[in-house]
């Protein structure tokens, strides 16, 4: 009689474990969508945009670890064509190279 009761408890316990494992396996499905960082070159890092007035904005890359750190571009909004045009592009690293004693590029 005791053996029958022990087997019933063991079978119940095993059934509970199997149900829990099925819930974990079937309920924990991961999404098939993978999010990959944008490596398009033109938008692969942060940029800073500053309004400097008179329909002009300044765009620069503030990330010291990026390949375009120090590059600055000034754009002016043309109200007739409804587009921005580039007024000036500078690489501030060239300006600081002389200050640091490095050769200019």
Protein backbone atom coordinates (compact mmCIF):
# COMPACT_ATOMS: atom_id res chain seq x y z
CA UNK A 1 0.00 0.00 0.00
CA UNK A 2 2.83 2.38 0.91
CA UNK A 3 4.55 1.65 -2.39
CA UNK A 4 1.42 2.56 -4.31
CA UNK A 5 1.15 5.89 -2.47
CA UNK A 6 4.86 6.66 -3.10
CA UNK A 7 4.53 5.88 -6.81
CA UNK A 8 1.49 8.14 -7.05
CA UNK A 9 3.39 11.02 -5.41
CA UNK A 10 6.40 10.42 -7.69
CA UNK A 11 4.18 10.31 -10.79
CA UNK A 12 2.41 13.52 -9.74
CA UNK A 13 5.75 15.21 -9.06
CA UNK A 14 7.13 14.09 -12.46
CA UNK A 15 3.96 15.30 -14.21
CA UNK A 16 4.30 18.74 -12.57
CA UNK A 17 7.96 18.96 -13.63
CA UNK A 18 7.10 17.98 -17.23
CA UNK A 19 4.31 20.58 -17.39
CA UNK A 20 6.62 23.29 -16.00
CA UNK A 21 9.34 22.38 -18.51
CA UNK A 22 6.84 22.52 -21.38
CA UNK A 23 5.68 25.95 -20.22
CA UNK A 24 9.28 27.17 -20.06
CA UNK A 25 10.20 25.78 -23.47
CA UNK A 26 7.07 26.84 -25.31
CA UNK A 27 6.50 30.11 -23.45
CA UNK A 28 10.04 31.46 -23.80
CA UNK A 29 10.08 31.90 -27.58
CA UNK A 30 12.47 34.57 -28.72
CA UNK A 31 11.63 36.94 -31.51
CA UNK A 32 12.99 36.11 -34.94
CA UNK A 33 13.70 39.81 -35.48
CA UNK A 34 17.31 40.75 -34.80
CA UNK A 35 18.27 44.32 -34.12
CA UNK A 36 21.59 45.18 -35.72
CA UNK A 37 23.27 48.55 -35.18
CA UNK A 38 23.10 50.92 -38.12
CA UNK A 39 26.42 50.85 -39.99
CA UNK A 40 25.48 53.03 -42.95
CA UNK A 41 28.39 55.43 -42.60
CA UNK A 42 26.17 58.50 -42.82
CA UNK A 43 24.25 57.70 -39.65
CA UNK A 44 26.46 55.36 -37.68
CA UNK A 45 27.21 57.76 -34.84
CA UNK A 46 25.80 60.73 -32.99
CA UNK A 47 25.92 64.24 -34.37
CA UNK A 48 25.28 67.58 -32.72
CA UNK A 49 23.15 70.18 -34.50
CA UNK A 50 23.28 73.79 -33.30
CA UNK A 51 21.13 76.66 -34.54
CA UNK A 52 23.50 79.62 -34.99
CA UNK A 53 20.86 82.06 -36.27
CA UNK A 54 20.15 83.73 -39.63
CA UNK A 55 18.78 80.45 -41.07
CA UNK A 56 22.12 78.74 -40.37
CA UNK A 57 22.90 75.55 -38.50
CA UNK A 58 26.17 73.98 -37.44
CA UNK A 59 26.58 70.21 -37.58
CA UNK A 60 29.45 68.47 -35.83
CA UNK A 61 30.45 65.07 -34.53
CA UNK A 62 31.12 65.29 -30.76
CA UNK A 63 32.18 61.63 -30.37
CA UNK A 64 35.95 61.55 -29.85
CA UNK A 65 36.08 57.88 -30.88
CA UNK A 66 34.50 58.40 -34.29
CA UNK A 67 36.36 58.80 -37.55
CA UNK A 68 34.83 62.20 -38.22
CA UNK A 69 35.48 63.76 -34.80
CA UNK A 70 36.35 67.43 -35.21
CA UNK A 71 34.63 67.90 -38.56
CA UNK A 72 32.29 70.88 -38.61
CA UNK A 73 29.80 71.85 -41.32
CA UNK A 74 27.78 75.06 -41.53
CA UNK A 75 24.57 74.95 -43.57
CA UNK A 76 22.31 77.81 -44.59
CA UNK A 77 18.61 77.35 -45.38
CA UNK A 78 17.64 78.75 -48.77
CA UNK A 79 14.01 79.83 -48.48
CA UNK A 80 13.55 80.05 -52.26
CA UNK A 81 14.63 76.47 -52.98
CA UNK A 82 13.53 75.14 -49.58
CA UNK A 83 16.88 73.37 -49.15
CA UNK A 84 20.01 73.66 -47.05
CA UNK A 85 23.25 74.54 -48.80
CA UNK A 86 26.73 74.01 -47.41
CA UNK A 87 28.45 77.29 -46.60
CA UNK A 88 31.60 75.98 -44.95
CA UNK A 89 33.26 72.72 -43.96
CA UNK A 90 36.22 72.58 -41.61
CA UNK A 91 38.22 69.91 -39.85
CA UNK A 92 39.15 71.37 -36.49
CA UNK A 93 41.73 68.65 -35.95
CA UNK A 94 43.89 70.41 -38.55
CA UNK A 95 43.69 73.64 -36.56
CA UNK A 96 44.80 71.92 -33.36
CA UNK A 97 47.59 69.97 -35.05
CA UNK A 98 49.68 73.14 -35.30
CA UNK A 99 48.95 73.96 -31.68
CA UNK A 100 49.99 70.46 -30.55
CA UNK A 101 53.14 70.48 -32.68
CA UNK A 102 51.82 67.87 -35.12
CA UNK A 103 52.06 68.22 -38.87
CA UNK A 104 48.99 69.54 -40.68
CA UNK A 105 47.25 67.32 -43.22
